[in-house]
Every structure is written in structure tokens, then in C-alpha cells.
Amino acid sequence: MILSETEIRFENAGTVLKTGLSAISNGDTVIDMKNVRRADSSAVAVVLDWIRSAQKSGQPLHVINRPGSFDKLVRLYGLSGIVRID
């Protein structure tokens, strides 16, 4: 699934979360953030929820084309082992 949002922030995090959870429940294993230019800490929380959901379903989840701001937050919070940022 390709996210259409250009930002993931507190204001739209709930909608983005639901979109991703729906895609995961439909069998998507890749979420592409290529359109996302900015992300705050709520984006990290959203992705962690997606990962949990995919794990419960026994699926891998790959979040690709993440914005640099997202990867910086993942490193800052020490979550590189959970949210792979190769």
C-alpha cells in the first residue's frame, strides 16, 4: 500500500493508522511512505501499531521509503531493532 499523505502528524495519525491497519488485515506486507515528506513522533507510534498488528497476523511488515525525519526519530527513541531502518 502506498500512503497518500504528505505528512503524518498528530492531527491525522488516527486516520493513517486505520488506513494501514486495514491494508494489513487485507494481506498487505509493504507500506510505502514515498509521499510522506514530514513525520512527527505520532508517525512512529502508528508504525509500531502496524508492526504489532502484522505480527499478530503472522505477517512480516516492511515500511519503505520513509522520510528522514521518521528515521531520525526511530534512532532517537532507540527503536532501530523494532522498526528496521536499513
C-alpha atoms as a PDB file:
ATOM      1  CA  MET A   1       0.000   0.000   0.000  1.00  0.00           C
ATOM      2  CA  ILE A   2       1.234   3.490  -0.819  1.00  0.00           C
ATOM      3  CA  LEU A   3       0.287   6.165   1.686  1.00  0.00           C
ATOM      4  CA  SER A   4      -1.186   9.229   0.017  1.00  0.00           C
ATOM      5  CA  GLU A   5      -0.464  11.594   2.904  1.00  0.00           C
ATOM      6  CA  THR A   6       2.428  14.051   2.618  1.00  0.00           C
ATOM      7  CA  GLU A   7       2.694  14.392   6.400  1.00  0.00           C
ATOM      8  CA  ILE A   8       1.992  12.162   9.352  1.00  0.00           C
ATOM      9  CA  ARG A   9       1.311  14.279  12.395  1.00  0.00           C
ATOM     10  CA  PHE A  10      -0.826  14.123  15.493  1.00  0.00           C
ATOM     11  CA  GLU A  11      -3.732  15.674  13.602  1.00  0.00           C
ATOM     12  CA  ASN A  12      -4.016  12.864  11.036  1.00  0.00           C
ATOM     13  CA  ALA A  13      -2.337   9.957  12.837  1.00  0.00           C
ATOM     14  CA  GLY A  14      -5.643   8.224  13.640  1.00  0.00           C
ATOM     15  CA  THR A  15      -6.704   8.205  10.012  1.00  0.00           C
ATOM     16  CA  VAL A  16      -3.285   6.994   8.846  1.00  0.00           C
ATOM     17  CA  LEU A  17      -3.338   4.267  11.495  1.00  0.00           C
ATOM     18  CA  LYS A  18      -6.722   2.988  10.333  1.00  0.00           C
ATOM     19  CA  THR A  19      -5.648   3.045   6.686  1.00  0.00           C
ATOM     20  CA  GLY A  20      -2.571   0.954   7.431  1.00  0.00           C
ATOM     21  CA  LEU A  21      -4.405  -1.485   9.708  1.00  0.00           C
ATOM     22  CA  SER A  22      -6.976  -2.057   7.001  1.00  0.00           C
ATOM     23  CA  ALA A  23      -4.248  -2.733   4.439  1.00  0.00           C
ATOM     24  CA  ILE A  24      -2.505  -5.154   6.801  1.00  0.00           C
ATOM     25  CA  SER A  25      -5.746  -7.003   7.523  1.00  0.00           C
ATOM     26  CA  ASN A  26      -6.188  -7.345   3.753  1.00  0.00           C
ATOM     27  CA  GLY A  27      -2.785  -9.014   3.477  1.00  0.00           C
ATOM     28  CA  ASP A  28      -0.525  -6.111   2.518  1.00  0.00           C
ATOM     29  CA  THR A  29       3.005  -6.634   3.829  1.00  0.00           C
ATOM     30  CA  VAL A  30       4.574  -3.446   2.429  1.00  0.00           C
ATOM     31  CA  ILE A  31       3.634   0.098   3.339  1.00  0.00           C
ATOM     32  CA  ASP A  32       5.276   2.689   1.129  1.00  0.00           C
ATOM     33  CA  MET A  33       5.804   6.139   2.626  1.00  0.00           C
ATOM     34  CA  LYS A  34       7.181   7.668  -0.592  1.00  0.00           C
ATOM     35  CA  ASN A  35       4.696  10.567  -0.495  1.00  0.00           C
ATOM     36  CA  VAL A  36       5.372  11.403   3.161  1.00  0.00           C
ATOM     37  CA  ARG A  37       7.712  14.380   3.466  1.00  0.00           C
ATOM     38  CA  ARG A  38       7.386  15.055   7.207  1.00  0.00           C
ATOM     39  CA  ALA A  39       6.631  12.874  10.174  1.00  0.00           C
ATOM     40  CA  ASP A  40       6.449  13.600  13.879  1.00  0.00           C
ATOM     41  CA  SER A  41       6.555  11.198  16.814  1.00  0.00           C
ATOM     42  CA  SER A  42       2.960  10.133  16.201  1.00  0.00           C
ATOM     43  CA  ALA A  43       4.151   8.519  12.946  1.00  0.00           C
ATOM     44  CA  VAL A  44       6.465   6.295  14.969  1.00  0.00           C
ATOM     45  CA  ALA A  45       3.555   5.252  17.192  1.00  0.00           C
ATOM     46  CA  VAL A  46       1.454   4.493  14.097  1.00  0.00           C
ATOM     47  CA  VAL A  47       4.162   2.295  12.581  1.00  0.00           C
ATOM     48  CA  LEU A  48       4.651   0.456  15.882  1.00  0.00           C
ATOM     49  CA  ASP A  49       0.915  -0.331  15.911  1.00  0.00           C
ATOM     50  CA  TRP A  50       1.141  -1.562  12.323  1.00  0.00           C
ATOM     51  CA  ILE A  51       4.065  -3.807  13.237  1.00  0.00           C
ATOM     52  CA  ARG A  52       2.154  -5.258  16.203  1.00  0.00           C
ATOM     53  CA  SER A  53      -0.871  -5.916  14.019  1.00  0.00           C
ATOM     54  CA  ALA A  54       1.197  -7.631  11.340  1.00  0.00           C
ATOM     55  CA  GLN A  55       2.969  -9.770  13.950  1.00  0.00           C
ATOM     56  CA  LYS A  56      -0.363 -10.883  15.413  1.00  0.00           C
ATOM     57  CA  SER A  57      -1.371 -11.976  11.919  1.00  0.00           C
ATOM     58  CA  GLY A  58       1.921 -13.795  11.453  1.00  0.00           C
ATOM     59  CA  GLN A  59       2.930 -11.489   8.602  1.00  0.00           C
ATOM     60  CA  PRO A  60       6.144  -9.579   8.057  1.00  0.00           C
ATOM     61  CA  LEU A  61       5.758  -5.839   7.545  1.00  0.00           C
ATOM     62  CA  HIS A  62       8.103  -3.677   5.520  1.00  0.00           C
ATOM     63  CA  VAL A  63       7.805   0.091   5.743  1.00  0.00           C
ATOM     64  CA  ILE A  64       9.730   1.539   2.828  1.00  0.00           C
ATOM     65  CA  ASN A  65      10.707   4.971   1.526  1.00  0.00           C
ATOM     66  CA  ARG A  66      10.464   6.537   4.945  1.00  0.00           C
ATOM     67  CA  PRO A  67      11.241  10.258   5.290  1.00  0.00           C
ATOM     68  CA  GLY A  68      14.474  11.194   7.024  1.00  0.00           C
ATOM     69  CA  SER A  69      12.566  12.808   9.885  1.00  0.00           C
ATOM     70  CA  PHE A  70      10.941   9.460  10.658  1.00  0.00           C
ATOM     71  CA  ASP A  71      14.238   7.548  10.658  1.00  0.00           C
ATOM     72  CA  LYS A  72      15.820  10.185  12.919  1.00  0.00           C
ATOM     73  CA  LEU A  73      13.033   9.733  15.467  1.00  0.00           C
ATOM     74  CA  VAL A  74      13.358   5.944  15.348  1.00  0.00           C
ATOM     75  CA  ARG A  75      17.076   6.267  16.116  1.00  0.00           C
ATOM     76  CA  LEU A  76      16.461   8.873  18.820  1.00  0.00           C
ATOM     77  CA  TYR A  77      13.957   6.613  20.601  1.00  0.00           C
ATOM     78  CA  GLY A  78      16.231   3.555  20.296  1.00  0.00           C
ATOM     79  CA  LEU A  79      13.722   1.639  18.181  1.00  0.00           C
ATOM     80  CA  SER A  80      16.024   0.623  15.319  1.00  0.00           C
ATOM     81  CA  GLY A  81      15.721  -3.013  16.361  1.00  0.00           C
ATOM     82  CA  ILE A  82      11.938  -2.922  16.077  1.00  0.00           C
ATOM     83  CA  VAL A  83      11.474  -0.527  13.168  1.00  0.00           C
ATOM     84  CA  ARG A  84      14.128  -1.576  10.697  1.00  0.00           C
ATOM     85  CA  ILE A  85      15.739   1.424   9.078  1.00  0.00           C
ATOM     86  CA  ASP A  86      18.324  -0.211   6.846  1.00  0.00           C
END
